[in-house]
């Protein structure tokens, strides 16, 4: 690791802290994540030498996962368990919506992208539209001979739009969710915190060794959930640690948007941006139907079914007190299902021809 790299990381973190402090002063939503995210992405696209360090991002996801798991008391877990049918509907909805978005992208760009084979554009559109994690969707698309640069750019842009738009809209609207579902442990106990960190860190390492998606977030959260559901109250996660975790996560998202991002098929990115706003509107309507069927607040189900990332939507729910366990359960189950099903669905919907390419 070079000194130049470390200086870039330090400079980016200093910039992110200044942006977060400014957002705190301006009373914006999620200041510790959105401030660094916006500032880092703007400067990265302008060509500034911003940099994110993987271990810091992993540590941030570890801290957020451990903090979110503390919400899953036995009573809350029973509530989430009673919503299994709504979660299944949410999974089916996400798969259908992702397929529809991909089909729309294909129909829109097939007449224009003459230099791209039809089979490649089909797989590119499908995986760009899938409602899943960016890195995993990009990896799956590579196996199907897709344009991975367009898939990665699509997911990064969609995540940026959703992560910025929804928190601001919710704060300005003043909507409330299940804010009564708070962690049972709100005081910091340093011995308990050390044990919680040890246990959740071990869970993250196991998930990482198994090659699972989002291992530092998922592993830490699952262990924290298990501890909480067992009735053990070790410690809360200090707010300063949660803020720092949001900051490094915001930075890790922002540095994806390099200067060359703006030159990556502008029409493609424009259609992804327009489609993302459409997805949010459609998901809002679907959340309203689920709210009517379950009796839960619409805003909680909006976050649970939105086309955003699990970490970002869970952080939004935590900071704005909008029903962390419900949002997390919907997003986690959707992520697992999408990762398992989106590849087989592609091969079933678009079976390969005799030449070996998708129809």
Protein backbone atom coordinates (compact mmCIF):
# COMPACT_ATOMS: atom_id res chain seq x y z
CA UNK A 1 0.00 0.00 0.00
CA UNK A 2 1.66 3.20 -1.20
CA UNK A 3 1.87 6.50 0.63
CA UNK A 4 0.10 8.14 -2.32
CA UNK A 5 -2.87 5.82 -1.88
CA UNK A 6 -3.06 6.51 1.86
CA UNK A 7 -2.95 10.26 1.24
CA UNK A 8 -5.82 9.95 -1.21
CA UNK A 9 -7.83 7.95 1.30
CA UNK A 10 -7.12 10.46 4.07
CA UNK A 11 -7.99 13.41 1.82
CA UNK A 12 -11.24 11.76 0.74
CA UNK A 13 -12.22 11.04 4.35
CA UNK A 14 -11.48 14.65 5.33
CA UNK A 15 -13.66 15.87 2.46
CA UNK A 16 -16.40 13.43 3.47
CA UNK A 17 -16.31 14.61 7.09
CA UNK A 18 -16.60 18.26 5.99
CA UNK A 19 -19.56 17.38 3.75
CA UNK A 20 -21.22 15.46 6.59
CA UNK A 21 -20.69 18.35 9.02
CA UNK A 22 -22.24 20.75 6.50
CA UNK A 23 -25.25 18.47 6.07
CA UNK A 24 -25.66 18.22 9.84
CA UNK A 25 -25.71 22.02 10.03
CA UNK A 26 -28.26 22.16 7.20
CA UNK A 27 -30.43 19.47 8.86
CA UNK A 28 -30.52 17.30 5.76
CA UNK A 29 -31.63 13.65 6.04
CA UNK A 30 -28.92 11.04 6.61
CA UNK A 31 -26.16 13.68 6.77
CA UNK A 32 -23.39 11.22 7.60
CA UNK A 33 -24.07 9.10 4.52
CA UNK A 34 -25.61 11.44 1.94
CA UNK A 35 -23.13 14.28 2.52
CA UNK A 36 -20.06 12.11 1.83
CA UNK A 37 -21.86 10.29 -1.00
CA UNK A 38 -22.81 13.43 -2.91
CA UNK A 39 -19.54 15.28 -2.30
CA UNK A 40 -17.37 12.29 -3.22
CA UNK A 41 -19.35 11.42 -6.34
CA UNK A 42 -19.30 15.01 -7.65
CA UNK A 43 -15.56 15.40 -7.12
CA UNK A 44 -14.85 11.92 -8.50
CA UNK A 45 -16.71 12.72 -11.71
CA UNK A 46 -14.80 16.00 -11.89
CA UNK A 47 -11.56 14.01 -11.94
CA UNK A 48 -10.43 14.55 -8.35
CA UNK A 49 -8.16 11.80 -6.91
CA UNK A 50 -10.72 10.41 -4.45
CA UNK A 51 -10.16 6.96 -3.00
CA UNK A 52 -11.94 4.42 -0.81
CA UNK A 53 -10.20 1.72 1.22
CA UNK A 54 -11.91 -1.66 1.27
CA UNK A 55 -11.28 -2.50 4.95
CA UNK A 56 -12.90 0.78 6.02
CA UNK A 57 -15.98 0.02 3.94
CA UNK A 58 -16.12 -3.49 5.43
CA UNK A 59 -15.83 -2.05 8.91
CA UNK A 60 -18.67 0.35 8.20
CA UNK A 61 -20.93 -2.45 7.01
CA UNK A 62 -19.92 -4.51 10.06
CA UNK A 63 -20.93 -1.71 12.44
CA UNK A 64 -24.25 -1.04 10.67
CA UNK A 65 -25.10 -4.74 10.55
CA UNK A 66 -24.42 -5.14 14.27
CA UNK A 67 -26.54 -2.07 15.09
CA UNK A 68 -29.49 -3.19 12.98
CA UNK A 69 -29.53 -6.68 14.49
CA UNK A 70 -30.27 -5.17 17.90
CA UNK A 71 -33.81 -4.33 16.73
CA UNK A 72 -34.81 -7.98 16.38
CA UNK A 73 -36.23 -8.69 19.83
CA UNK A 74 -38.39 -11.82 20.20
CA UNK A 75 -41.55 -9.69 19.96
CA UNK A 76 -40.37 -7.90 16.83
CA UNK A 77 -39.17 -11.14 15.28
CA UNK A 78 -42.64 -12.61 15.79
CA UNK A 79 -44.13 -9.59 14.00
CA UNK A 80 -41.74 -10.00 11.08
CA UNK A 81 -42.43 -13.75 10.96
CA UNK A 82 -46.17 -13.10 10.65
CA UNK A 83 -45.45 -11.08 7.51
CA UNK A 84 -43.88 -14.02 5.61
CA UNK A 85 -46.55 -13.92 2.93
CA UNK A 86 -46.00 -10.20 2.31
CA UNK A 87 -42.24 -10.79 2.08
CA UNK A 88 -42.84 -13.55 -0.49
CA UNK A 89 -45.02 -11.16 -2.48
CA UNK A 90 -42.24 -8.58 -2.26
CA UNK A 91 -39.75 -11.08 -3.66
CA UNK A 92 -42.01 -11.97 -6.56
CA UNK A 93 -42.67 -8.30 -7.20
CA UNK A 94 -38.94 -7.51 -7.31
CA UNK A 95 -38.25 -10.31 -9.79
CA UNK A 96 -41.14 -9.24 -12.02
CA UNK A 97 -40.22 -5.57 -11.82
CA UNK A 98 -36.57 -6.22 -12.63
CA UNK A 99 -37.50 -8.34 -15.64
CA UNK A 100 -39.90 -5.65 -16.87
CA UNK A 101 -37.33 -2.90 -16.46
CA UNK A 102 -34.76 -4.94 -18.37
CA UNK A 103 -37.23 -5.67 -21.16
CA UNK A 104 -38.01 -1.96 -21.42
CA UNK A 105 -34.31 -1.11 -21.67
CA UNK A 106 -33.89 -3.69 -24.42
CA UNK A 107 -36.82 -2.43 -26.49
CA UNK A 108 -35.66 1.14 -26.07
CA UNK A 109 -32.04 0.59 -27.10
CA UNK A 110 -32.20 -2.34 -29.54
CA UNK A 111 -32.89 -0.04 -32.54
CA UNK A 112 -29.98 2.26 -31.63
CA UNK A 113 -27.10 0.07 -30.39
CA UNK A 114 -26.23 -1.50 -33.76
CA UNK A 115 -22.69 -2.39 -32.73
CA UNK A 116 -23.89 -4.65 -29.88
CA UNK A 117 -25.14 -8.18 -30.75
CA UNK A 118 -28.77 -8.80 -29.85
CA UNK A 119 -27.89 -11.56 -27.39
CA UNK A 120 -25.38 -9.32 -25.60
CA UNK A 121 -27.85 -6.44 -25.40
CA UNK A 122 -30.52 -8.80 -24.11
CA UNK A 123 -28.37 -10.06 -21.24
CA UNK A 124 -27.05 -6.55 -20.55
CA UNK A 125 -30.57 -5.14 -20.30
CA UNK A 126 -31.81 -8.01 -18.16
CA UNK A 127 -29.09 -7.82 -15.53
CA UNK A 128 -29.03 -4.01 -15.59
CA UNK A 129 -32.73 -4.03 -14.74
CA UNK A 130 -32.58 -6.73 -12.04
CA UNK A 131 -33.30 -5.46 -8.52
CA UNK A 132 -30.17 -6.78 -6.84
CA UNK A 133 -26.72 -5.94 -5.55
CA UNK A 134 -24.51 -4.20 -8.13
CA UNK A 135 -21.41 -6.36 -7.73
CA UNK A 136 -23.31 -9.64 -7.82
CA UNK A 137 -25.45 -8.61 -10.81
CA UNK A 138 -22.32 -7.52 -12.68
CA UNK A 139 -20.66 -10.88 -11.98
CA UNK A 140 -23.74 -12.81 -13.12
CA UNK A 141 -24.00 -10.71 -16.26
CA UNK A 142 -20.39 -11.46 -17.15
CA UNK A 143 -21.20 -15.17 -17.20
CA UNK A 144 -23.95 -14.45 -19.75
CA UNK A 145 -21.66 -12.40 -22.03
CA UNK A 146 -23.21 -9.03 -21.17
CA UNK A 147 -21.67 -5.55 -21.28
CA UNK A 148 -20.54 -5.49 -17.66
CA UNK A 149 -19.63 -1.80 -17.82
CA UNK A 150 -23.23 -0.90 -18.65
CA UNK A 151 -24.61 -3.25 -15.99
CA UNK A 152 -22.35 -1.83 -13.27
CA UNK A 153 -23.05 1.76 -14.33
CA UNK A 154 -26.81 1.12 -14.32
CA UNK A 155 -26.83 -0.27 -10.79
CA UNK A 156 -24.53 2.47 -9.47
CA UNK A 157 -26.71 5.21 -10.95
CA UNK A 158 -29.93 3.65 -9.72
CA UNK A 159 -28.52 3.25 -6.22
CA UNK A 160 -27.36 6.87 -6.20
CA UNK A 161 -30.78 8.17 -7.30
CA UNK A 162 -32.76 6.03 -4.86
CA UNK A 163 -30.43 6.71 -1.93
CA UNK A 164 -30.65 10.46 -2.41
CA UNK A 165 -34.28 10.85 -3.48
CA UNK A 166 -36.16 8.73 -0.94
CA UNK A 167 -34.61 10.11 2.29
CA UNK A 168 -35.14 13.72 1.17
CA UNK A 169 -38.71 12.99 0.11
CA UNK A 170 -39.49 11.27 3.41
CA UNK A 171 -37.99 14.02 5.54
CA UNK A 172 -39.84 16.76 3.70
CA UNK A 173 -43.12 14.84 3.81
CA UNK A 174 -42.89 14.22 7.54
CA UNK A 175 -44.19 10.66 7.16
CA UNK A 176 -43.68 8.25 10.05
CA UNK A 177 -43.32 4.48 10.22
CA UNK A 178 -42.96 1.93 13.01
CA UNK A 179 -40.86 4.22 15.17
CA UNK A 180 -41.98 2.35 18.30
CA UNK A 181 -39.76 -0.58 17.29
CA UNK A 182 -36.58 0.60 18.97
CA UNK A 183 -33.65 -1.51 20.17
CA UNK A 184 -34.04 -2.87 23.68
CA UNK A 185 -30.43 -1.89 24.40
CA UNK A 186 -29.77 1.83 24.10
CA UNK A 187 -26.89 2.20 26.55
CA UNK A 188 -23.29 1.47 25.68
CA UNK A 189 -21.54 -1.12 27.84
CA UNK A 190 -17.89 -1.35 26.87
CA UNK A 191 -17.39 -5.00 27.93
CA UNK A 192 -20.66 -5.93 26.21
CA UNK A 193 -19.69 -3.93 23.13
CA UNK A 194 -16.35 -5.74 22.93
CA UNK A 195 -18.12 -9.11 23.07
CA UNK A 196 -20.69 -7.98 20.49
CA UNK A 197 -17.88 -6.83 18.19
CA UNK A 198 -16.07 -10.15 18.62
CA UNK A 199 -19.15 -12.23 17.87
CA UNK A 200 -20.37 -10.16 14.93
CA UNK A 201 -16.85 -9.93 13.52
CA UNK A 202 -16.60 -13.70 13.60
CA UNK A 203 -19.93 -13.95 11.80
CA UNK A 204 -18.73 -11.55 9.12
CA UNK A 205 -15.52 -13.50 8.61
CA UNK A 206 -17.43 -16.77 8.25
CA UNK A 207 -19.74 -15.23 5.64
CA UNK A 208 -16.73 -13.80 3.83
CA UNK A 209 -15.00 -17.19 3.74
CA UNK A 210 -18.19 -18.74 2.38
CA UNK A 211 -18.26 -16.19 -0.42
CA UNK A 212 -21.68 -14.79 0.47
CA UNK A 213 -23.03 -11.45 -0.74
CA UNK A 214 -22.41 -8.44 1.53
CA UNK A 215 -20.60 -10.66 4.09
CA UNK A 216 -19.57 -7.90 6.49
CA UNK A 217 -23.10 -6.56 6.68
CA UNK A 218 -25.03 -9.82 6.54
CA UNK A 219 -22.73 -11.80 8.83
CA UNK A 220 -22.65 -9.12 11.52
CA UNK A 221 -26.39 -8.53 11.33
CA UNK A 222 -27.32 -12.22 11.52
CA UNK A 223 -25.16 -12.76 14.61
CA UNK A 224 -26.50 -9.60 16.25
CA UNK A 225 -30.04 -10.74 15.46
CA UNK A 226 -29.39 -14.16 17.00
CA UNK A 227 -27.96 -12.62 20.17
CA UNK A 228 -30.91 -10.24 20.51
CA UNK A 229 -33.56 -12.88 19.80
CA UNK A 230 -31.91 -15.06 22.47
CA UNK A 231 -32.63 -12.33 25.01
CA UNK A 232 -29.00 -11.29 25.52
CA UNK A 233 -28.55 -7.54 25.91
CA UNK A 234 -24.84 -6.88 25.47
CA UNK A 235 -24.54 -3.25 24.40
CA UNK A 236 -25.76 -0.62 21.99
CA UNK A 237 -23.46 0.50 19.19
CA UNK A 238 -22.19 4.05 19.95
CA UNK A 239 -23.74 6.72 17.74
CA UNK A 240 -20.29 8.00 16.79
CA UNK A 241 -19.44 4.56 15.39
CA UNK A 242 -22.71 4.47 13.43
CA UNK A 243 -21.99 7.93 12.03
CA UNK A 244 -18.46 6.92 11.01
CA UNK A 245 -19.84 3.77 9.40
CA UNK A 246 -22.31 5.78 7.34
CA UNK A 247 -19.50 8.10 6.27
CA UNK A 248 -17.23 5.36 4.92
CA UNK A 249 -20.19 3.67 3.20
CA UNK A 250 -21.07 6.97 1.53
CA UNK A 251 -17.49 7.35 0.37
CA UNK A 252 -17.38 3.80 -1.01
CA UNK A 253 -20.48 4.55 -3.08
CA UNK A 254 -19.30 7.95 -4.25
CA UNK A 255 -15.92 6.85 -5.63
CA UNK A 256 -17.67 4.58 -8.14
CA UNK A 257 -18.50 7.64 -10.22
CA UNK A 258 -15.25 8.42 -12.00
CA UNK A 259 -14.83 10.93 -14.80
CA UNK A 260 -15.28 8.22 -17.44
CA UNK A 261 -18.69 7.39 -15.95
CA UNK A 262 -20.17 10.45 -17.69
CA UNK A 263 -18.99 9.13 -21.05
CA UNK A 264 -20.47 5.64 -20.61
CA UNK A 265 -23.31 5.49 -23.16
CA UNK A 266 -25.09 8.73 -22.14
CA UNK A 267 -28.41 7.66 -23.68
CA UNK A 268 -28.28 4.38 -21.78
CA UNK A 269 -27.64 6.14 -18.47
CA UNK A 270 -30.35 8.70 -19.19
CA UNK A 271 -32.88 5.93 -19.75
CA UNK A 272 -31.75 4.19 -16.55
CA UNK A 273 -32.26 7.44 -14.64
CA UNK A 274 -35.75 7.96 -16.07
CA UNK A 275 -36.60 4.32 -15.46
CA UNK A 276 -35.40 4.51 -11.87
CA UNK A 277 -37.86 7.28 -11.07
CA UNK A 278 -40.54 5.18 -12.71
CA UNK A 279 -39.53 2.18 -10.58
CA UNK A 280 -39.80 4.25 -7.41
CA UNK A 281 -43.28 5.39 -8.37
CA UNK A 282 -44.43 1.84 -9.16
CA UNK A 283 -42.92 0.55 -5.91
CA UNK A 284 -44.73 3.29 -4.00
CA UNK A 285 -48.02 2.04 -5.42
CA UNK A 286 -47.15 -1.57 -4.58
CA UNK A 287 -46.22 -0.51 -1.03
CA UNK A 288 -49.64 1.14 -0.71
CA UNK A 289 -51.32 -2.15 -1.61
CA UNK A 290 -49.21 -4.03 0.95
CA UNK A 291 -49.94 -1.37 3.57
CA UNK A 292 -53.66 -1.86 3.01
CA UNK A 293 -53.28 -5.65 3.26
CA UNK A 294 -51.00 -5.72 6.32
CA UNK A 295 -52.03 -2.63 8.26
CA UNK A 296 -48.40 -1.50 8.43
CA UNK A 297 -47.35 2.09 7.65
CA UNK A 298 -46.96 2.76 3.94
CA UNK A 299 -43.60 4.47 4.40
CA UNK A 300 -42.09 1.41 6.08
CA UNK A 301 -43.17 -0.83 3.23
CA UNK A 302 -41.95 1.76 0.73
CA UNK A 303 -38.42 1.33 2.06
CA UNK A 304 -38.83 -2.43 2.22
CA UNK A 305 -39.84 -2.73 -1.44
CA UNK A 306 -37.86 0.16 -2.97
CA UNK A 307 -35.27 -0.59 -5.69
CA UNK A 308 -32.42 0.56 -3.46
CA UNK A 309 -29.63 -1.33 -1.70
CA UNK A 310 -30.20 -3.19 1.54
CA UNK A 311 -27.56 -1.26 3.52
CA UNK A 312 -28.73 2.15 2.33
CA UNK A 313 -32.44 1.48 2.89
CA UNK A 314 -31.79 -0.05 6.32
CA UNK A 315 -29.74 3.00 7.30
CA UNK A 316 -32.58 5.24 6.11
CA UNK A 317 -35.05 3.28 8.23
CA UNK A 318 -32.77 3.48 11.28
CA UNK A 319 -31.99 7.19 11.08
CA UNK A 320 -35.56 8.25 10.29
CA UNK A 321 -37.09 5.64 12.65
CA UNK A 322 -39.24 4.02 10.00
CA UNK A 323 -39.42 0.38 11.06
CA UNK A 324 -35.94 -1.11 10.82
CA UNK A 325 -36.87 -4.81 11.33
CA UNK A 326 -39.59 -4.83 8.67
CA UNK A 327 -37.48 -2.94 6.15
CA UNK A 328 -34.46 -5.14 6.82
CA UNK A 329 -36.46 -8.37 6.57
CA UNK A 330 -37.96 -7.38 3.22
CA UNK A 331 -34.62 -6.27 1.80
CA UNK A 332 -32.59 -9.24 3.10
CA UNK A 333 -35.04 -11.86 1.87
CA UNK A 334 -35.30 -10.11 -1.49
CA UNK A 335 -31.53 -9.99 -1.88
CA UNK A 336 -31.11 -13.69 -1.13
CA UNK A 337 -33.94 -14.69 -3.45
CA UNK A 338 -32.79 -12.48 -6.31
CA UNK A 339 -29.22 -13.78 -6.11
CA UNK A 340 -30.52 -17.35 -6.24
CA UNK A 341 -33.19 -16.92 -8.92
CA UNK A 342 -32.21 -14.16 -11.32
CA UNK A 343 -29.65 -16.28 -13.20
CA UNK A 344 -31.88 -19.35 -13.69
CA UNK A 345 -34.76 -17.03 -14.66
CA UNK A 346 -32.66 -15.49 -17.41
CA UNK A 347 -31.79 -18.87 -18.88
CA UNK A 348 -35.43 -19.97 -18.66
CA UNK A 349 -36.92 -16.81 -20.19
CA UNK A 350 -34.18 -16.42 -22.81
CA UNK A 351 -32.90 -19.95 -23.54
CA UNK A 352 -29.69 -20.18 -25.55
CA UNK A 353 -29.91 -20.85 -29.24
CA UNK A 354 -27.98 -23.62 -30.96
CA UNK A 355 -25.10 -21.21 -31.36
CA UNK A 356 -24.93 -20.83 -27.61
CA UNK A 357 -26.26 -17.28 -27.26
CA UNK A 358 -29.47 -16.11 -25.67
CA UNK A 359 -32.43 -15.42 -27.88
